[in-house]
Amino acid sequence: MRNIRRQQVDQNRKRRKVVFLTFGILFSIYLTFTLVFGDNGLISYLKLKSTKNSLQAETIVVKDRNNDIRNQIEAIEKEPEVVEELAREYGLTKKGELIFKFDSQE
């Protein structure tokens, strides 16, 4: 009788170990899957990181462009020659000036 009871107890322990081991493995697989493919997983993180890097690069380009424009504005405000040069590029003249156009074919 004792041997039978002992065998039953040993079998119950083995079953519990198998059940706990199975649940442990399944939980590990679920956790790994969630960490890699979940909404806040590794793949989403890598996509967001690449988006962040591209936006930062674009921001740097826009800041440089803004600085160039700001420098041009300061140059125009400080030096009237720059304004005159820009006006002549667009075909504007001062009062009383004559414009002579020559054909470059001759």
N, C-alpha and C. Protein backbone atom coordinates (compact mmCIF):
# COMPACT_ATOMS: atom_id res chain seq x y z
N MET A 1 0.80 -1.18 0.00
CA MET A 1 0.00 0.00 0.00
C MET A 1 0.86 1.26 0.00
N ARG A 2 1.92 1.18 0.80
CA ARG A 2 2.80 2.34 0.85
C ARG A 2 3.48 2.58 -0.49
N ASN A 3 3.89 1.55 -1.13
CA ASN A 3 4.56 1.70 -2.42
C ASN A 3 3.62 2.29 -3.47
N ILE A 4 2.39 1.88 -3.45
CA ILE A 4 1.41 2.40 -4.41
C ILE A 4 1.18 3.88 -4.16
N ARG A 5 1.02 4.25 -2.92
CA ARG A 5 0.81 5.66 -2.56
C ARG A 5 2.03 6.49 -2.94
N ARG A 6 3.21 5.94 -2.69
CA ARG A 6 4.44 6.64 -3.02
C ARG A 6 4.54 6.82 -4.53
N GLN A 7 4.21 5.84 -5.31
CA GLN A 7 4.24 5.93 -6.77
C GLN A 7 3.25 7.00 -7.25
N GLN A 8 2.08 7.04 -6.63
CA GLN A 8 1.09 8.05 -7.00
C GLN A 8 1.60 9.45 -6.69
N VAL A 9 2.23 9.59 -5.52
CA VAL A 9 2.79 10.90 -5.15
C VAL A 9 3.89 11.29 -6.13
N ASP A 10 4.76 10.35 -6.49
CA ASP A 10 5.83 10.64 -7.45
C ASP A 10 5.27 11.01 -8.82
N GLN A 11 4.22 10.29 -9.25
CA GLN A 11 3.59 10.60 -10.52
C GLN A 11 2.96 11.99 -10.49
N ASN A 12 2.32 12.35 -9.40
CA ASN A 12 1.73 13.69 -9.27
C ASN A 12 2.80 14.77 -9.32
N ARG A 13 3.94 14.52 -8.69
CA ARG A 13 5.05 15.49 -8.72
C ARG A 13 5.57 15.65 -10.15
N LYS A 14 5.72 14.54 -10.85
CA LYS A 14 6.21 14.60 -12.22
C LYS A 14 5.22 15.38 -13.11
N ARG A 15 3.92 15.12 -12.91
CA ARG A 15 2.92 15.86 -13.68
C ARG A 15 3.00 17.35 -13.40
N ARG A 16 3.12 17.69 -12.11
CA ARG A 16 3.23 19.11 -11.75
C ARG A 16 4.46 19.74 -12.39
N LYS A 17 5.59 19.04 -12.35
CA LYS A 17 6.81 19.55 -12.96
C LYS A 17 6.61 19.78 -14.46
N VAL A 18 5.98 18.81 -15.11
CA VAL A 18 5.75 18.93 -16.55
C VAL A 18 4.81 20.11 -16.83
N VAL A 19 3.75 20.24 -16.03
CA VAL A 19 2.80 21.33 -16.22
C VAL A 19 3.49 22.67 -15.99
N PHE A 20 4.23 22.81 -14.90
CA PHE A 20 4.93 24.07 -14.63
C PHE A 20 5.98 24.36 -15.70
N LEU A 21 6.71 23.34 -16.13
CA LEU A 21 7.71 23.52 -17.18
C LEU A 21 7.04 23.96 -18.48
N THR A 22 5.91 23.33 -18.82
CA THR A 22 5.19 23.71 -20.04
C THR A 22 4.70 25.15 -19.97
N PHE A 23 4.09 25.51 -18.84
CA PHE A 23 3.64 26.89 -18.69
C PHE A 23 4.81 27.87 -18.71
N GLY A 24 5.93 27.50 -18.11
CA GLY A 24 7.11 28.36 -18.13
C GLY A 24 7.63 28.57 -19.54
N ILE A 25 7.68 27.51 -20.32
CA ILE A 25 8.15 27.61 -21.71
C ILE A 25 7.18 28.45 -22.54
N LEU A 26 5.88 28.18 -22.39
CA LEU A 26 4.88 28.95 -23.13
C LEU A 26 4.94 30.44 -22.75
N PHE A 27 5.11 30.73 -21.47
CA PHE A 27 5.21 32.12 -21.03
C PHE A 27 6.46 32.77 -21.61
N SER A 28 7.57 32.05 -21.64
CA SER A 28 8.80 32.60 -22.22
C SER A 28 8.63 32.90 -23.70
N ILE A 29 7.97 31.99 -24.41
CA ILE A 29 7.73 32.20 -25.84
C ILE A 29 6.83 33.42 -26.05
N TYR A 30 5.77 33.52 -25.26
CA TYR A 30 4.86 34.68 -25.36
C TYR A 30 5.59 35.98 -25.06
N LEU A 31 6.39 35.97 -24.01
CA LEU A 31 7.13 37.17 -23.63
C LEU A 31 8.11 37.58 -24.71
N THR A 32 8.83 36.63 -25.27
CA THR A 32 9.78 36.92 -26.35
C THR A 32 9.05 37.47 -27.58
N PHE A 33 7.96 36.84 -27.95
CA PHE A 33 7.19 37.29 -29.10
C PHE A 33 6.68 38.71 -28.89
N THR A 34 6.19 39.00 -27.69
CA THR A 34 5.67 40.32 -27.38
C THR A 34 6.79 41.37 -27.41
N LEU A 35 7.95 41.03 -26.87
CA LEU A 35 9.06 41.99 -26.84
C LEU A 35 9.59 42.29 -28.24
N VAL A 36 9.51 41.33 -29.15
CA VAL A 36 10.04 41.55 -30.48
C VAL A 36 8.99 42.13 -31.42
N PHE A 37 7.78 41.55 -31.43
CA PHE A 37 6.78 41.92 -32.43
C PHE A 37 5.61 42.71 -31.88
N GLY A 38 5.56 43.02 -30.61
CA GLY A 38 4.41 43.71 -30.03
C GLY A 38 4.34 45.17 -30.45
N ASP A 39 3.29 45.87 -29.97
CA ASP A 39 3.10 47.28 -30.31
C ASP A 39 4.27 48.14 -29.85
N ASN A 40 4.83 47.83 -28.72
CA ASN A 40 5.99 48.56 -28.21
C ASN A 40 7.23 47.68 -28.25
N GLY A 41 7.29 46.78 -29.23
CA GLY A 41 8.38 45.83 -29.32
C GLY A 41 9.60 46.39 -30.02
N LEU A 42 10.54 45.51 -30.23
CA LEU A 42 11.83 45.88 -30.80
C LEU A 42 11.68 46.41 -32.23
N ILE A 43 10.84 45.79 -33.02
CA ILE A 43 10.68 46.22 -34.41
C ILE A 43 10.07 47.62 -34.47
N SER A 44 9.07 47.88 -33.65
CA SER A 44 8.48 49.23 -33.60
C SER A 44 9.51 50.25 -33.13
N TYR A 45 10.31 49.87 -32.17
CA TYR A 45 11.36 50.77 -31.66
C TYR A 45 12.35 51.11 -32.77
N LEU A 46 12.78 50.12 -33.53
CA LEU A 46 13.75 50.38 -34.60
C LEU A 46 13.16 51.28 -35.69
N LYS A 47 11.88 51.08 -36.02
CA LYS A 47 11.23 51.95 -37.00
C LYS A 47 11.17 53.39 -36.50
N LEU A 48 10.77 53.54 -35.23
CA LEU A 48 10.69 54.89 -34.67
C LEU A 48 12.06 55.55 -34.59
N LYS A 49 13.08 54.77 -34.30
CA LYS A 49 14.43 55.32 -34.21
C LYS A 49 14.90 55.81 -35.58
N SER A 50 14.62 55.05 -36.64
CA SER A 50 15.03 55.49 -37.97
C SER A 50 14.25 56.73 -38.40
N THR A 51 12.97 56.79 -38.05
CA THR A 51 12.16 57.97 -38.36
C THR A 51 12.70 59.18 -37.62
N LYS A 52 13.07 58.99 -36.37
CA LYS A 52 13.63 60.09 -35.57
C LYS A 52 14.92 60.60 -36.19
N ASN A 53 15.78 59.69 -36.63
CA ASN A 53 17.05 60.10 -37.23
C ASN A 53 16.84 60.88 -38.52
N SER A 54 15.90 60.43 -39.34
CA SER A 54 15.65 61.15 -40.59
C SER A 54 15.05 62.53 -40.33
N LEU A 55 14.16 62.62 -39.33
CA LEU A 55 13.59 63.92 -38.99
C LEU A 55 14.64 64.87 -38.41
N GLN A 56 15.56 64.32 -37.63
CA GLN A 56 16.63 65.18 -37.10
C GLN A 56 17.52 65.69 -38.22
N ALA A 57 17.82 64.84 -39.20
CA ALA A 57 18.63 65.29 -40.34
C ALA A 57 17.89 66.36 -41.13
N GLU A 58 16.60 66.19 -41.32
CA GLU A 58 15.81 67.18 -42.04
C GLU A 58 15.75 68.50 -41.26
N THR A 59 15.66 68.41 -39.94
CA THR A 59 15.65 69.61 -39.11
C THR A 59 16.96 70.38 -39.23
N ILE A 60 18.06 69.67 -39.29
CA ILE A 60 19.37 70.32 -39.44
C ILE A 60 19.43 71.06 -40.78
N VAL A 61 18.92 70.43 -41.84
CA VAL A 61 18.93 71.08 -43.15
C VAL A 61 18.09 72.35 -43.13
N VAL A 62 16.91 72.28 -42.51
CA VAL A 62 16.03 73.45 -42.45
C VAL A 62 16.67 74.55 -41.60
N LYS A 63 17.33 74.20 -40.50
CA LYS A 63 18.00 75.21 -39.68
C LYS A 63 19.12 75.89 -40.45
N ASP A 64 19.88 75.12 -41.23
CA ASP A 64 20.95 75.72 -42.04
C ASP A 64 20.36 76.67 -43.08
N ARG A 65 19.27 76.25 -43.70
CA ARG A 65 18.62 77.10 -44.69
C ARG A 65 18.12 78.40 -44.04
N ASN A 66 17.54 78.27 -42.85
CA ASN A 66 17.08 79.46 -42.13
C ASN A 66 18.23 80.40 -41.80
N ASN A 67 19.36 79.85 -41.38
CA ASN A 67 20.53 80.68 -41.08
C ASN A 67 21.02 81.41 -42.32
N ASP A 68 21.03 80.71 -43.47
CA ASP A 68 21.46 81.36 -44.71
C ASP A 68 20.52 82.52 -45.07
N ILE A 69 19.23 82.28 -44.95
CA ILE A 69 18.26 83.34 -45.26
C ILE A 69 18.40 84.50 -44.29
N ARG A 70 18.61 84.20 -43.01
CA ARG A 70 18.80 85.25 -42.02
C ARG A 70 20.04 86.09 -42.33
N ASN A 71 21.11 85.42 -42.76
CA ASN A 71 22.33 86.14 -43.15
C ASN A 71 22.09 87.03 -44.36
N GLN A 72 21.32 86.53 -45.33
CA GLN A 72 21.00 87.34 -46.50
C GLN A 72 20.17 88.57 -46.11
N ILE A 73 19.24 88.40 -45.21
CA ILE A 73 18.41 89.52 -44.75
C ILE A 73 19.27 90.57 -44.07
N GLU A 74 20.18 90.13 -43.22
CA GLU A 74 21.08 91.07 -42.54
C GLU A 74 21.95 91.80 -43.54
N ALA A 75 22.44 91.09 -44.55
CA ALA A 75 23.29 91.73 -45.56
C ALA A 75 22.50 92.76 -46.34
N ILE A 76 21.26 92.45 -46.68
CA ILE A 76 20.42 93.39 -47.42
C ILE A 76 20.12 94.62 -46.57
N GLU A 77 19.87 94.42 -45.28
CA GLU A 77 19.54 95.55 -44.40
C GLU A 77 20.75 96.45 -44.17
N LYS A 78 21.94 95.90 -44.14
CA LYS A 78 23.13 96.69 -43.80
C LYS A 78 23.80 97.32 -45.01
N GLU A 79 23.71 96.68 -46.17
CA GLU A 79 24.45 97.17 -47.33
C GLU A 79 23.49 97.49 -48.47
N PRO A 80 23.35 98.75 -48.83
CA PRO A 80 22.46 99.11 -49.93
C PRO A 80 22.97 98.61 -51.29
N GLU A 81 24.27 98.33 -51.40
CA GLU A 81 24.81 97.83 -52.66
C GLU A 81 24.23 96.45 -52.99
N VAL A 82 24.00 95.67 -51.97
CA VAL A 82 23.43 94.34 -52.17
C VAL A 82 22.02 94.46 -52.72
N VAL A 83 21.25 95.41 -52.18
CA VAL A 83 19.89 95.63 -52.67
C VAL A 83 19.94 96.06 -54.13
N GLU A 84 20.85 96.96 -54.45
CA GLU A 84 20.96 97.43 -55.83
C GLU A 84 21.36 96.29 -56.77
N GLU A 85 22.27 95.46 -56.33
CA GLU A 85 22.70 94.32 -57.15
C GLU A 85 21.54 93.35 -57.40
N LEU A 86 20.77 93.08 -56.37
CA LEU A 86 19.61 92.19 -56.52
C LEU A 86 18.57 92.82 -57.45
N ALA A 87 18.36 94.12 -57.33
CA ALA A 87 17.39 94.80 -58.18
C ALA A 87 17.83 94.72 -59.64
N ARG A 88 19.11 94.88 -59.91
CA ARG A 88 19.60 94.83 -61.29
C ARG A 88 19.48 93.41 -61.86
N GLU A 89 19.61 92.40 -61.02
CA GLU A 89 19.44 91.03 -61.50
C GLU A 89 18.01 90.80 -61.98
N TYR A 90 17.06 91.48 -61.37
CA TYR A 90 15.66 91.34 -61.76
C TYR A 90 15.24 92.36 -62.81
N GLY A 91 16.20 93.12 -63.36
CA GLY A 91 15.90 94.05 -64.44
C GLY A 91 15.38 95.39 -63.99
N LEU A 92 15.53 95.75 -62.74
CA LEU A 92 15.07 97.05 -62.24
C LEU A 92 16.17 98.09 -62.43
N THR A 93 15.76 99.34 -62.58
CA THR A 93 16.73 100.42 -62.77
C THR A 93 16.38 101.59 -61.85
N LYS A 94 17.35 102.49 -61.74
CA LYS A 94 17.09 103.73 -60.99
C LYS A 94 16.38 104.70 -61.92
N LYS A 95 15.85 105.77 -61.34
CA LYS A 95 15.20 106.79 -62.16
C LYS A 95 16.25 107.45 -63.04
N GLY A 96 15.89 107.59 -64.31
CA GLY A 96 16.79 108.28 -65.25
C GLY A 96 17.80 107.37 -65.91
N GLU A 97 17.89 106.10 -65.53
CA GLU A 97 18.85 105.20 -66.16
C GLU A 97 18.26 104.64 -67.45
N LEU A 98 19.15 104.41 -68.38
CA LEU A 98 18.75 103.81 -69.65
C LEU A 98 19.32 102.39 -69.71
N ILE A 99 18.55 101.50 -70.31
CA ILE A 99 19.01 100.12 -70.45
C ILE A 99 19.29 99.86 -71.92
N PHE A 100 20.47 99.40 -72.19
CA PHE A 100 20.86 99.03 -73.54
C PHE A 100 20.94 97.52 -73.61
N LYS A 101 20.22 96.91 -74.54
CA LYS A 101 20.26 95.47 -74.72
C LYS A 101 20.96 95.18 -76.04
N PHE A 102 21.95 94.33 -75.99
CA PHE A 102 22.72 93.95 -77.17
C PHE A 102 22.49 92.50 -77.47
N ASP A 103 22.38 92.19 -78.74
CA ASP A 103 22.28 90.81 -79.15
C ASP A 103 23.66 90.19 -79.08
N SER A 104 23.75 89.05 -78.49
CA SER A 104 25.05 88.43 -78.34
C SER A 104 25.46 87.69 -79.61
N GLN A 105 24.58 87.60 -80.61
CA GLN A 105 24.89 86.89 -81.85
C GLN A 105 25.85 87.69 -82.71
N GLU A 106 25.87 88.98 -82.60
CA GLU A 106 26.70 89.81 -83.47
C GLU A 106 28.10 89.82 -83.04
